[in-house]
Amino acid sequence: MEFQTKNNSFKNGMKVAGKVATGVVITIIALILIFGSTYQIKEQEQAVLITFGKAKAVTESGLHFKIPLIQQVRKVDTTIQGFTIGYNSDTNETIDEEAVMITSDYNFINADFFVEYKISDPVKALYESQQPQKILKNLSQSCIRTVIGSYDVDSVLTTGKNEIQAAIKEMILQKLEEQDIGIQLVNVTIQDAEPPTTEIMEAFKAVETAKQGKETALNNANKYRNEKLPNAQAESDKIIKDAEAFKQERVNEATGQVARFNAMYEEYVKNPTVTKQRMFYEAMEDILPNIDIVIDGSNGVQKVLPLEPFVSMQGADNNQGSSTTTESNQ
């Protein structure tokens, strides 16, 4: 009887413990559902509500509801933030890779900048790119170097800072509009600008020396070209003109010969016999004056036609006799 009473007490205790455990589990689930179904957005925050992978921006501050375990919330800070270019904000040390820039008049400077921005579209800031702040910094560095490179060193160090800042800001805004990564530029400020260190100045002098050497070599090459090119061009023109003149001369000569031949052929067709005789006589007129004709007479005396002058023949005989006497004496 006592054992049965203990057994009943144990069973009652187990039932009570089960009810308590069930109540605790239900309470925990209720708390999870209650607290998991709401989220708070502060004044300087925005949120992105994600439902089955679809993102939606929540811009109003205050208490909002969501479906637990189904919807997720990611909050972003919409306050103005910033980063430095050219120096470390914690140690205030110069970062040469970012600070050293070259101006339009080929001078080096150390320039420090501070860029301010804020998130304008939380959905794009979270999902259009992995590191939107890094993209903004790279764009800022590119635009800063481009603008600094269009001003001389005096403007960068003294009077042109405001104009340079405005030009850099406008260029960055254009680039951000093209990228569309959900970040808005607030301001760009030149913190400091000064001449570079001694090591950089020495490197700059070396670059300038090499540049001057290059310009000297180019000038010498251009001078040599300017001296030789006109002479070569004149010689080329002379050769071309001589060739054209010779060509025209040969063409005119051939044309004249063709005309004479055609005229002679027309006469030949009209009177072949007379034309042949005239051509023969003309040929003889050209040939006979240049030859000596020897006629052997019946009396054995040779006559040379045309008869040469007696004086010239006597002079020839005297010259022949002198040469014979000289040969005999030798």
C-alpha atoms as a PDB file:
ATOM      1  CA  MET A   1       0.000   0.000   0.000  1.00  0.00           C
ATOM      2  CA  GLU A   2       2.818   2.348   0.860  1.00  0.00           C
ATOM      3  CA  PHE A   3       4.621   1.438  -2.398  1.00  0.00           C
ATOM      4  CA  GLN A   4       1.514   2.207  -4.438  1.00  0.00           C
ATOM      5  CA  THR A   5       1.220   5.583  -2.734  1.00  0.00           C
ATOM      6  CA  LYS A   6       4.808   6.445  -3.580  1.00  0.00           C
ATOM      7  CA  ASN A   7       4.300   5.327  -7.158  1.00  0.00           C
ATOM      8  CA  ASN A   8       1.258   7.572  -7.512  1.00  0.00           C
ATOM      9  CA  SER A   9       3.193  10.479  -6.042  1.00  0.00           C
ATOM     10  CA  PHE A  10       6.015   9.926  -8.536  1.00  0.00           C
ATOM     11  CA  LYS A  11       3.587   9.861 -11.425  1.00  0.00           C
ATOM     12  CA  ASN A  12       1.933  13.034 -10.217  1.00  0.00           C
ATOM     13  CA  GLY A  13       5.363  14.685  -9.923  1.00  0.00           C
ATOM     14  CA  MET A  14       6.280  13.669 -13.459  1.00  0.00           C
ATOM     15  CA  LYS A  15       3.031  15.087 -14.771  1.00  0.00           C
ATOM     16  CA  VAL A  16       3.644  18.354 -12.985  1.00  0.00           C
ATOM     17  CA  ALA A  17       7.233  18.511 -14.278  1.00  0.00           C
ATOM     18  CA  GLY A  18       6.025  17.848 -17.828  1.00  0.00           C
ATOM     19  CA  LYS A  19       3.459  20.570 -17.562  1.00  0.00           C
ATOM     20  CA  VAL A  20       6.088  22.968 -16.247  1.00  0.00           C
ATOM     21  CA  ALA A  21       8.530  22.082 -19.073  1.00  0.00           C
ATOM     22  CA  THR A  22       5.787  22.487 -21.633  1.00  0.00           C
ATOM     23  CA  GLY A  23       4.894  25.837 -20.146  1.00  0.00           C
ATOM     24  CA  VAL A  24       8.521  26.952 -20.255  1.00  0.00           C
ATOM     25  CA  VAL A  25       8.864  25.905 -23.903  1.00  0.00           C
ATOM     26  CA  ILE A  26       5.627  27.643 -24.817  1.00  0.00           C
ATOM     27  CA  THR A  27       6.770  30.749 -22.952  1.00  0.00           C
ATOM     28  CA  ILE A  28      10.132  30.749 -24.760  1.00  0.00           C
ATOM     29  CA  ILE A  29       8.432  30.292 -28.135  1.00  0.00           C
ATOM     30  CA  ALA A  30       6.021  33.077 -27.297  1.00  0.00           C
ATOM     31  CA  LEU A  31       8.855  35.382 -26.306  1.00  0.00           C
ATOM     32  CA  ILE A  32      10.719  34.553 -29.517  1.00  0.00           C
ATOM     33  CA  LEU A  33       7.601  35.256 -31.556  1.00  0.00           C
ATOM     34  CA  ILE A  34       6.889  38.466 -29.664  1.00  0.00           C
ATOM     35  CA  PHE A  35      10.394  39.885 -29.759  1.00  0.00           C
ATOM     36  CA  GLY A  36      11.227  38.372 -33.158  1.00  0.00           C
ATOM     37  CA  SER A  37       8.254  39.973 -34.818  1.00  0.00           C
ATOM     38  CA  THR A  38       9.326  43.540 -34.095  1.00  0.00           C
ATOM     39  CA  TYR A  39      12.384  45.655 -34.769  1.00  0.00           C
ATOM     40  CA  GLN A  40      13.343  49.199 -33.910  1.00  0.00           C
ATOM     41  CA  ILE A  41      14.834  51.760 -36.337  1.00  0.00           C
ATOM     42  CA  LYS A  42      16.637  54.693 -34.786  1.00  0.00           C
ATOM     43  CA  GLU A  43      16.565  58.249 -36.065  1.00  0.00           C
ATOM     44  CA  GLN A  44      19.904  57.983 -37.940  1.00  0.00           C
ATOM     45  CA  GLU A  45      19.273  54.497 -39.316  1.00  0.00           C
ATOM     46  CA  GLN A  46      17.536  52.800 -42.195  1.00  0.00           C
ATOM     47  CA  ALA A  47      16.771  49.130 -42.637  1.00  0.00           C
ATOM     48  CA  VAL A  48      16.474  46.580 -45.392  1.00  0.00           C
ATOM     49  CA  LEU A  49      13.673  44.038 -44.923  1.00  0.00           C
ATOM     50  CA  ILE A  50      14.394  40.758 -46.712  1.00  0.00           C
ATOM     51  CA  THR A  51      11.484  38.459 -47.535  1.00  0.00           C
ATOM     52  CA  PHE A  52      12.349  35.230 -49.367  1.00  0.00           C
ATOM     53  CA  GLY A  53      15.468  36.907 -50.795  1.00  0.00           C
ATOM     54  CA  LYS A  54      13.687  40.067 -51.941  1.00  0.00           C
ATOM     55  CA  ALA A  55      15.029  43.263 -50.354  1.00  0.00           C
ATOM     56  CA  LYS A  56      12.916  46.285 -49.495  1.00  0.00           C
ATOM     57  CA  ALA A  57      14.075  49.539 -47.889  1.00  0.00           C
ATOM     58  CA  VAL A  58      12.471  50.706 -44.642  1.00  0.00           C
ATOM     59  CA  THR A  59      13.279  54.372 -44.097  1.00  0.00           C
ATOM     60  CA  GLU A  60      10.875  55.446 -41.347  1.00  0.00           C
ATOM     61  CA  SER A  61      12.200  55.391 -37.805  1.00  0.00           C
ATOM     62  CA  GLY A  62      10.296  53.722 -34.958  1.00  0.00           C
ATOM     63  CA  LEU A  63       8.882  50.268 -34.203  1.00  0.00           C
ATOM     64  CA  HIS A  64       8.157  47.932 -37.115  1.00  0.00           C
ATOM     65  CA  PHE A  65       6.798  44.394 -37.403  1.00  0.00           C
ATOM     66  CA  LYS A  66       8.106  41.424 -39.356  1.00  0.00           C
ATOM     67  CA  ILE A  67       7.316  37.756 -39.751  1.00  0.00           C
ATOM     68  CA  PRO A  68       9.626  35.746 -37.476  1.00  0.00           C
ATOM     69  CA  LEU A  69      11.919  33.176 -39.106  1.00  0.00           C
ATOM     70  CA  ILE A  70      10.751  34.305 -42.557  1.00  0.00           C
ATOM     71  CA  GLN A  71      11.726  37.941 -42.779  1.00  0.00           C
ATOM     72  CA  GLN A  72      15.174  39.256 -41.923  1.00  0.00           C
ATOM     73  CA  VAL A  73      16.296  42.807 -41.190  1.00  0.00           C
ATOM     74  CA  ARG A  74      19.662  44.465 -41.918  1.00  0.00           C
ATOM     75  CA  LYS A  75      20.241  47.943 -40.576  1.00  0.00           C
ATOM     76  CA  VAL A  76      22.552  50.599 -42.049  1.00  0.00           C
ATOM     77  CA  ASP A  77      23.907  53.798 -40.559  1.00  0.00           C
ATOM     78  CA  THR A  78      22.777  56.869 -42.513  1.00  0.00           C
ATOM     79  CA  THR A  79      24.870  59.401 -40.585  1.00  0.00           C
ATOM     80  CA  ILE A  80      27.661  61.285 -42.348  1.00  0.00           C
ATOM     81  CA  GLN A  81      30.848  59.225 -42.358  1.00  0.00           C
ATOM     82  CA  GLY A  82      34.303  59.898 -43.757  1.00  0.00           C
ATOM     83  CA  PHE A  83      37.749  58.606 -44.601  1.00  0.00           C
ATOM     84  CA  THR A  84      41.160  60.148 -45.205  1.00  0.00           C
ATOM     85  CA  ILE A  85      43.346  60.150 -48.315  1.00  0.00           C
ATOM     86  CA  GLY A  86      47.059  60.805 -47.973  1.00  0.00           C
ATOM     87  CA  TYR A  87      47.462  60.268 -44.230  1.00  0.00           C
ATOM     88  CA  ASN A  88      46.525  57.956 -41.372  1.00  0.00           C
ATOM     89  CA  SER A  89      43.838  59.505 -39.174  1.00  0.00           C
ATOM     90  CA  ASP A  90      44.970  57.542 -36.088  1.00  0.00           C
ATOM     91  CA  THR A  91      48.729  58.264 -36.257  1.00  0.00           C
ATOM     92  CA  ASN A  92      48.582  61.374 -38.485  1.00  0.00           C
ATOM     93  CA  GLU A  93      51.438  59.908 -40.581  1.00  0.00           C
ATOM     94  CA  THR A  94      51.694  60.588 -44.298  1.00  0.00           C
ATOM     95  CA  ILE A  95      50.926  57.746 -46.710  1.00  0.00           C
ATOM     96  CA  ASP A  96      53.211  58.468 -49.673  1.00  0.00           C
ATOM     97  CA  GLU A  97      51.335  56.181 -52.068  1.00  0.00           C
ATOM     98  CA  GLU A  98      48.226  58.312 -51.626  1.00  0.00           C
ATOM     99  CA  ALA A  99      49.659  61.756 -50.850  1.00  0.00           C
ATOM    100  CA  VAL A 100      52.323  62.258 -53.540  1.00  0.00           C
ATOM    101  CA  MET A 101      50.857  63.863 -56.687  1.00  0.00           C
ATOM    102  CA  ILE A 102      52.176  65.698 -59.740  1.00  0.00           C
ATOM    103  CA  THR A 103      50.939  69.071 -60.977  1.00  0.00           C
ATOM    104  CA  SER A 104      50.514  70.398 -64.503  1.00  0.00           C
ATOM    105  CA  ASP A 105      53.916  72.141 -64.381  1.00  0.00           C
ATOM    106  CA  TYR A 106      55.619  68.843 -63.441  1.00  0.00           C
ATOM    107  CA  ASN A 107      56.114  69.519 -59.735  1.00  0.00           C
ATOM    108  CA  PHE A 108      55.456  67.030 -56.949  1.00  0.00           C
ATOM    109  CA  ILE A 109      53.393  67.852 -53.865  1.00  0.00           C
ATOM    110  CA  ASN A 110      52.053  66.066 -50.781  1.00  0.00           C
ATOM    111  CA  ALA A 111      48.277  66.600 -50.579  1.00  0.00           C
ATOM    112  CA  ASP A 112      45.954  65.283 -47.846  1.00  0.00           C
ATOM    113  CA  PHE A 113      42.173  65.037 -48.268  1.00  0.00           C
ATOM    114  CA  PHE A 114      39.149  64.134 -46.162  1.00  0.00           C
ATOM    115  CA  VAL A 115      36.084  62.709 -47.938  1.00  0.00           C
ATOM    116  CA  GLU A 116      32.626  62.764 -46.305  1.00  0.00           C
ATOM    117  CA  TYR A 117      29.746  60.581 -47.472  1.00  0.00           C
ATOM    118  CA  LYS A 118      26.511  58.952 -46.369  1.00  0.00           C
ATOM    119  CA  ILE A 119      24.332  56.073 -47.488  1.00  0.00           C
ATOM    120  CA  SER A 120      21.475  57.279 -49.681  1.00  0.00           C
ATOM    121  CA  ASP A 121      20.004  53.928 -50.745  1.00  0.00           C
ATOM    122  CA  PRO A 122      20.437  51.081 -48.219  1.00  0.00           C
ATOM    123  CA  VAL A 123      19.411  48.336 -50.656  1.00  0.00           C
ATOM    124  CA  LYS A 124      21.996  49.363 -53.273  1.00  0.00           C
ATOM    125  CA  ALA A 125      24.633  50.004 -50.617  1.00  0.00           C
ATOM    126  CA  LEU A 126      24.221  46.433 -49.339  1.00  0.00           C
ATOM    127  CA  TYR A 127      23.654  44.506 -52.561  1.00  0.00           C
ATOM    128  CA  GLU A 128      24.997  46.472 -55.581  1.00  0.00           C
ATOM    129  CA  SER A 129      28.612  45.986 -54.458  1.00  0.00           C
ATOM    130  CA  GLN A 130      30.539  44.202 -51.753  1.00  0.00           C
ATOM    131  CA  GLN A 131      32.589  47.216 -50.611  1.00  0.00           C
ATOM    132  CA  PRO A 132      30.932  50.497 -51.646  1.00  0.00           C
ATOM    133  CA  GLN A 133      33.183  52.566 -49.342  1.00  0.00           C
ATOM    134  CA  LYS A 134      36.300  51.153 -51.016  1.00  0.00           C
ATOM    135  CA  ILE A 135      34.845  51.911 -54.449  1.00  0.00           C
ATOM    136  CA  LEU A 136      34.205  55.490 -53.346  1.00  0.00           C
ATOM    137  CA  LYS A 137      37.777  55.825 -52.074  1.00  0.00           C
ATOM    138  CA  ASN A 138      39.249  54.533 -55.354  1.00  0.00           C
ATOM    139  CA  LEU A 139      37.047  56.915 -57.343  1.00  0.00           C
ATOM    140  CA  SER A 140      38.064  59.798 -55.092  1.00  0.00           C
ATOM    141  CA  GLN A 141      41.778  59.082 -55.504  1.00  0.00           C
ATOM    142  CA  SER A 142      41.428  58.911 -59.289  1.00  0.00           C
ATOM    143  CA  CYS A 143      39.473  62.176 -59.496  1.00  0.00           C
ATOM    144  CA  ILE A 144      41.836  63.953 -57.092  1.00  0.00           C
ATOM    145  CA  ARG A 145      44.921  63.040 -59.131  1.00  0.00           C
ATOM    146  CA  THR A 146      43.199  64.044 -62.369  1.00  0.00           C
ATOM    147  CA  VAL A 147      42.203  67.484 -61.058  1.00  0.00           C
ATOM    148  CA  ILE A 148      45.537  68.137 -59.291  1.00  0.00           C
ATOM    149  CA  GLY A 149      47.309  67.254 -62.534  1.00  0.00           C
ATOM    150  CA  SER A 150      45.461  70.061 -64.328  1.00  0.00           C
ATOM    151  CA  TYR A 151      46.647  72.834 -61.949  1.00  0.00           C
ATOM    152  CA  ASP A 152      50.105  74.290 -61.374  1.00  0.00           C
ATOM    153  CA  VAL A 153      51.902  73.934 -58.060  1.00  0.00           C
ATOM    154  CA  ASP A 154      51.212  77.507 -56.914  1.00  0.00           C
ATOM    155  CA  SER A 155      47.451  77.073 -57.305  1.00  0.00           C
ATOM    156  CA  VAL A 156      47.467  73.811 -55.359  1.00  0.00           C
ATOM    157  CA  LEU A 157      49.554  75.220 -52.505  1.00  0.00           C
ATOM    158  CA  THR A 158      47.938  78.659 -52.221  1.00  0.00           C
ATOM    159  CA  THR A 159      45.164  80.338 -54.168  1.00  0.00           C
ATOM    160  CA  GLY A 160      43.352  77.542 -56.002  1.00  0.00           C
ATOM    161  CA  LYS A 161      42.246  75.241 -53.177  1.00  0.00           C
ATOM    162  CA  ASN A 162      38.553  76.158 -53.251  1.00  0.00           C
ATOM    163  CA  GLU A 163      38.345  75.816 -57.001  1.00  0.00           C
ATOM    164  CA  ILE A 164      40.194  72.489 -56.872  1.00  0.00           C
ATOM    165  CA  GLN A 165      37.871  71.138 -54.162  1.00  0.00           C
ATOM    166  CA  ALA A 166      34.792  72.106 -56.209  1.00  0.00           C
ATOM    167  CA  ALA A 167      36.194  70.475 -59.362  1.00  0.00           C
ATOM    168  CA  ILE A 168      37.046  67.253 -57.495  1.00  0.00           C
ATOM    169  CA  LYS A 169      33.582  67.094 -55.884  1.00  0.00           C
ATOM    170  CA  GLU A 170      31.818  67.567 -59.225  1.00  0.00           C
ATOM    171  CA  MET A 171      33.894  64.846 -60.870  1.00  0.00           C
ATOM    172  CA  ILE A 172      33.272  62.366 -58.026  1.00  0.00           C
ATOM    173  CA  LEU A 173      29.532  63.051 -58.156  1.00  0.00           C
ATOM    174  CA  GLN A 174      29.496  62.243 -61.868  1.00  0.00           C
ATOM    175  CA  LYS A 175      31.376  59.000 -61.290  1.00  0.00           C
ATOM    176  CA  LEU A 176      29.068  57.980 -58.424  1.00  0.00           C
ATOM    177  CA  GLU A 177      26.037  58.631 -60.598  1.00  0.00           C
ATOM    178  CA  GLU A 178      27.448  56.276 -63.204  1.00  0.00           C
ATOM    179  CA  GLN A 179      28.304  53.578 -60.629  1.00  0.00           C
ATOM    180  CA  ASP A 180      24.984  53.927 -58.706  1.00  0.00           C
ATOM    181  CA  ILE A 181      26.118  52.079 -55.558  1.00  0.00           C
ATOM    182  CA  GLY A 182      23.782  53.777 -53.060  1.00  0.00           C
ATOM    183  CA  ILE A 183      26.357  56.192 -51.588  1.00  0.00           C
ATOM    184  CA  GLN A 184      26.085  59.974 -51.682  1.00  0.00           C
ATOM    185  CA  LEU A 185      29.111  62.276 -51.537  1.00  0.00           C
ATOM    186  CA  VAL A 186      28.771  65.067 -48.981  1.00  0.00           C
ATOM    187  CA  ASN A 187      32.043  66.969 -49.242  1.00  0.00           C
ATOM    188  CA  VAL A 188      35.735  66.787 -50.184  1.00  0.00           C
ATOM    189  CA  THR A 189      38.232  68.914 -48.287  1.00  0.00           C
ATOM    190  CA  ILE A 190      41.934  69.585 -48.795  1.00  0.00           C
ATOM    191  CA  GLN A 191      43.436  69.093 -45.360  1.00  0.00           C
ATOM    192  CA  ASP A 192      46.991  70.040 -46.247  1.00  0.00           C
ATOM    193  CA  ALA A 193      49.272  70.575 -49.258  1.00  0.00           C
ATOM    194  CA  GLU A 194      53.043  70.974 -49.063  1.00  0.00           C
ATOM    195  CA  PRO A 195      56.205  70.308 -51.076  1.00  0.00           C
ATOM    196  CA  PRO A 196      57.456  66.695 -51.020  1.00  0.00           C
ATOM    197  CA  THR A 197      60.405  65.227 -49.138  1.00  0.00           C
ATOM    198  CA  THR A 198      64.047  65.421 -50.243  1.00  0.00           C
ATOM    199  CA  GLU A 199      64.020  61.901 -51.681  1.00  0.00           C
ATOM    200  CA  ILE A 200      61.059  62.688 -53.886  1.00  0.00           C
ATOM    201  CA  MET A 201      62.664  65.933 -55.017  1.00  0.00           C
ATOM    202  CA  GLU A 202      65.779  64.026 -56.098  1.00  0.00           C
ATOM    203  CA  ALA A 203      63.662  61.564 -58.008  1.00  0.00           C
ATOM    204  CA  PHE A 204      61.816  64.443 -59.623  1.00  0.00           C
ATOM    205  CA  LYS A 205      65.121  66.040 -60.711  1.00  0.00           C
ATOM    206  CA  ALA A 206      66.181  62.752 -62.265  1.00  0.00           C
ATOM    207  CA  VAL A 207      62.908  62.607 -64.172  1.00  0.00           C
ATOM    208  CA  GLU A 208      63.328  66.208 -65.332  1.00  0.00           C
ATOM    209  CA  THR A 209      66.890  65.485 -66.513  1.00  0.00           C
ATOM    210  CA  ALA A 210      65.706  62.496 -68.511  1.00  0.00           C
ATOM    211  CA  LYS A 211      62.867  64.562 -69.953  1.00  0.00           C
ATOM    212  CA  GLN A 212      65.261  67.314 -71.055  1.00  0.00           C
ATOM    213  CA  GLY A 213      67.537  64.735 -72.637  1.00  0.00           C
ATOM    214  CA  LYS A 214      64.604  63.333 -74.533  1.00  0.00           C
ATOM    215  CA  GLU A 215      63.599  66.789 -75.774  1.00  0.00           C
ATOM    216  CA  THR A 216      67.179  67.523 -76.855  1.00  0.00           C
ATOM    217  CA  ALA A 217      67.371  64.290 -78.834  1.00  0.00           C
ATOM    218  CA  LEU A 218      64.016  65.036 -80.477  1.00  0.00           C
ATOM    219  CA  ASN A 219      65.113  68.558 -81.396  1.00  0.00           C
ATOM    220  CA  ASN A 220      68.345  67.282 -82.938  1.00  0.00           C
ATOM    221  CA  ALA A 221      66.462  64.660 -84.902  1.00  0.00           C
ATOM    222  CA  ASN A 222      63.960  67.240 -86.155  1.00  0.00           C
ATOM    223  CA  LYS A 223      66.785  69.587 -87.127  1.00  0.00           C
ATOM    224  CA  TYR A 224      68.543  66.859 -89.131  1.00  0.00           C
ATOM    225  CA  ARG A 225      65.280  65.952 -90.804  1.00  0.00           C
ATOM    226  CA  ASN A 226      64.544  69.575 -91.695  1.00  0.00           C
ATOM    227  CA  GLU A 227      68.012  69.918 -93.204  1.00  0.00           C
ATOM    228  CA  LYS A 228      67.961  66.754 -95.282  1.00  0.00           C
ATOM    229  CA  LEU A 229      64.342  66.581 -96.302  1.00  0.00           C
ATOM    230  CA  PRO A 230      64.253  69.691 -98.561  1.00  0.00           C
ATOM    231  CA  ASN A 231      67.398  68.581-100.441  1.00  0.00           C
ATOM    232  CA  ALA A 232      66.052  65.101-100.913  1.00  0.00           C
ATOM    233  CA  GLN A 233      62.713  66.509-102.039  1.00  0.00           C
ATOM    234  CA  ALA A 234      64.404  68.852-104.513  1.00  0.00           C
ATOM    235  CA  GLU A 235      66.532  66.021-105.907  1.00  0.00           C
ATOM    236  CA  SER A 236      63.453  63.855-106.215  1.00  0.00           C
ATOM    237  CA  ASP A 237      61.574  66.617-108.048  1.00  0.00           C
ATOM    238  CA  LYS A 238      64.527  67.157-110.408  1.00  0.00           C
ATOM    239  CA  ILE A 239      64.716  63.460-111.266  1.00  0.00           C
ATOM    240  CA  ILE A 240      60.990  63.318-111.875  1.00  0.00           C
ATOM    241  CA  LYS A 241      61.031  66.431-114.088  1.00  0.00           C
ATOM    242  CA  ASP A 242      64.034  65.171-116.091  1.00  0.00           C
ATOM    243  CA  ALA A 243      62.296  61.861-116.626  1.00  0.00           C
ATOM    244  CA  GLU A 244      59.106  63.592-117.729  1.00  0.00           C
ATOM    245  CA  ALA A 245      61.051  65.841-120.113  1.00  0.00           C
ATOM    246  CA  PHE A 246      62.898  62.860-121.608  1.00  0.00           C
ATOM    247  CA  LYS A 247      59.637  61.016-121.976  1.00  0.00           C
ATOM    248  CA  GLN A 248      58.027  63.965-123.734  1.00  0.00           C
ATOM    249  CA  GLU A 249      61.036  64.336-125.990  1.00  0.00           C
ATOM    250  CA  ARG A 250      60.901  60.691-127.027  1.00  0.00           C
ATOM    251  CA  VAL A 251      57.144  60.925-127.557  1.00  0.00           C
ATOM    252  CA  ASN A 252      57.511  64.026-129.731  1.00  0.00           C
ATOM    253  CA  GLU A 253      60.312  62.419-131.732  1.00  0.00           C
ATOM    254  CA  ALA A 254      58.293  59.274-132.310  1.00  0.00           C
ATOM    255  CA  THR A 255      55.253  61.341-133.229  1.00  0.00           C
ATOM    256  CA  GLY A 256      57.317  63.311-135.768  1.00  0.00           C
ATOM    257  CA  GLN A 257      58.749  60.162-137.307  1.00  0.00           C
ATOM    258  CA  VAL A 258      55.292  58.676-137.582  1.00  0.00           C
ATOM    259  CA  ALA A 259      54.033  61.846-139.280  1.00  0.00           C
ATOM    260  CA  ARG A 260      56.941  61.878-141.749  1.00  0.00           C
ATOM    261  CA  PHE A 261      56.469  58.212-142.531  1.00  0.00           C
ATOM    262  CA  ASN A 262      52.752  58.696-143.104  1.00  0.00           C
ATOM    263  CA  ALA A 263      53.396  61.666-145.379  1.00  0.00           C
ATOM    264  CA  MET A 264      56.039  59.735-147.321  1.00  0.00           C
ATOM    265  CA  TYR A 265      53.738  56.756-147.636  1.00  0.00           C
ATOM    266  CA  GLU A 266      50.961  58.929-149.044  1.00  0.00           C
ATOM    267  CA  GLU A 267      53.357  60.254-151.710  1.00  0.00           C
ATOM    268  CA  TYR A 268      54.621  56.751-152.421  1.00  0.00           C
ATOM    269  CA  VAL A 269      51.091  55.477-152.998  1.00  0.00           C
ATOM    270  CA  LYS A 270      50.491  58.282-155.510  1.00  0.00           C
ATOM    271  CA  ASN A 271      53.775  57.869-157.503  1.00  0.00           C
ATOM    272  CA  PRO A 272      55.783  54.827-156.410  1.00  0.00           C
ATOM    273  CA  THR A 273      58.537  55.163-159.036  1.00  0.00           C
ATOM    274  CA  VAL A 274      59.156  58.874-158.591  1.00  0.00           C
ATOM    275  CA  THR A 275      59.112  58.503-154.819  1.00  0.00           C
ATOM    276  CA  LYS A 276      61.634  55.655-154.931  1.00  0.00           C
ATOM    277  CA  GLN A 277      64.007  57.694-157.101  1.00  0.00           C
ATOM    278  CA  ARG A 278      63.676  60.745-154.834  1.00  0.00           C
ATOM    279  CA  MET A 279      64.331  58.643-151.769  1.00  0.00           C
ATOM    280  CA  PHE A 280      67.366  57.107-153.495  1.00  0.00           C
ATOM    281  CA  TYR A 281      68.786  60.505-154.420  1.00  0.00           C
ATOM    282  CA  GLU A 282      68.226  61.848-150.934  1.00  0.00           C
ATOM    283  CA  ALA A 283      69.994  58.841-149.471  1.00  0.00           C
ATOM    284  CA  MET A 284      72.918  59.311-151.817  1.00  0.00           C
ATOM    285  CA  GLU A 285      73.140  62.986-150.885  1.00  0.00           C
ATOM    286  CA  ASP A 286      73.563  61.971-147.307  1.00  0.00           C
ATOM    287  CA  ILE A 287      76.043  59.165-147.981  1.00  0.00           C
ATOM    288  CA  LEU A 288      78.309  60.340-150.873  1.00  0.00           C
ATOM    289  CA  PRO A 289      79.769  63.526-149.321  1.00  0.00           C
ATOM    290  CA  ASN A 290      81.326  61.408-146.596  1.00  0.00           C
ATOM    291  CA  ILE A 291      83.170  58.872-148.846  1.00  0.00           C
ATOM    292  CA  ASP A 292      86.027  58.994-151.339  1.00  0.00           C
ATOM    293  CA  ILE A 293      85.340  57.656-154.819  1.00  0.00           C
ATOM    294  CA  VAL A 294      88.240  56.088-156.706  1.00  0.00           C
ATOM    295  CA  ILE A 295      87.880  55.821-160.500  1.00  0.00           C
ATOM    296  CA  ASP A 296      90.406  53.587-162.327  1.00  0.00           C
ATOM    297  CA  GLY A 297      90.935  55.040-165.797  1.00  0.00           C
ATOM    298  CA  SER A 298      92.049  53.215-168.931  1.00  0.00           C
ATOM    299  CA  ASN A 299      95.489  54.817-168.830  1.00  0.00           C
ATOM    300  CA  GLY A 300      96.191  53.402-165.384  1.00  0.00           C
ATOM    301  CA  VAL A 301      95.765  56.735-163.601  1.00  0.00           C
ATOM    302  CA  GLN A 302      93.542  56.689-160.544  1.00  0.00           C
ATOM    303  CA  LYS A 303      91.300  59.633-159.925  1.00  0.00           C
ATOM    304  CA  VAL A 304      89.794  60.409-156.550  1.00  0.00           C
ATOM    305  CA  LEU A 305      86.447  62.171-156.516  1.00  0.00           C
ATOM    306  CA  PRO A 306      85.807  64.648-155.209  1.00  0.00           C
ATOM    307  CA  LEU A 307      89.221  66.142-155.916  1.00  0.00           C
ATOM    308  CA  GLU A 308      90.989  67.288-152.792  1.00  0.00           C
ATOM    309  CA  PRO A 309      92.812  70.636-152.777  1.00  0.00           C
ATOM    310  CA  PHE A 310      96.400  70.476-153.985  1.00  0.00           C
ATOM    311  CA  VAL A 311      97.708  72.310-150.907  1.00  0.00           C
ATOM    312  CA  SER A 312      96.146  69.866-148.500  1.00  0.00           C
ATOM    313  CA  MET A 313      97.531  66.930-150.493  1.00  0.00           C
ATOM    314  CA  GLN A 314     101.028  68.522-150.573  1.00  0.00           C
ATOM    315  CA  GLY A 315     100.905  69.115-146.847  1.00  0.00           C
ATOM    316  CA  ALA A 316      99.931  65.513-146.342  1.00  0.00           C
ATOM    317  CA  ASP A 317     102.876  64.376-148.528  1.00  0.00           C
ATOM    318  CA  ASN A 318     105.307  66.571-146.557  1.00  0.00           C
ATOM    319  CA  ASN A 319     104.005  65.172-143.297  1.00  0.00           C
ATOM    320  CA  GLN A 320     104.395  61.668-144.592  1.00  0.00           C
ATOM    321  CA  GLY A 321     107.990  62.430-145.734  1.00  0.00           C
ATOM    322  CA  SER A 322     108.914  63.895-142.375  1.00  0.00           C
ATOM    323  CA  SER A 323     107.607  60.910-140.574  1.00  0.00           C
ATOM    324  CA  THR A 324     109.556  58.631-142.949  1.00  0.00           C
ATOM    325  CA  THR A 325     112.800  60.581-142.354  1.00  0.00           C
ATOM    326  CA  THR A 326     112.327  60.419-138.618  1.00  0.00           C
ATOM    327  CA  GLU A 327     111.825  56.704-138.756  1.00  0.00           C
ATOM    328  CA  SER A 328     115.024  56.298-140.871  1.00  0.00           C
ATOM    329  CA  ASN A 329     117.091  58.314-138.416  1.00  0.00           C
ATOM    330  CA  GLN A 330     115.854  56.200-135.589  1.00  0.00           C
END
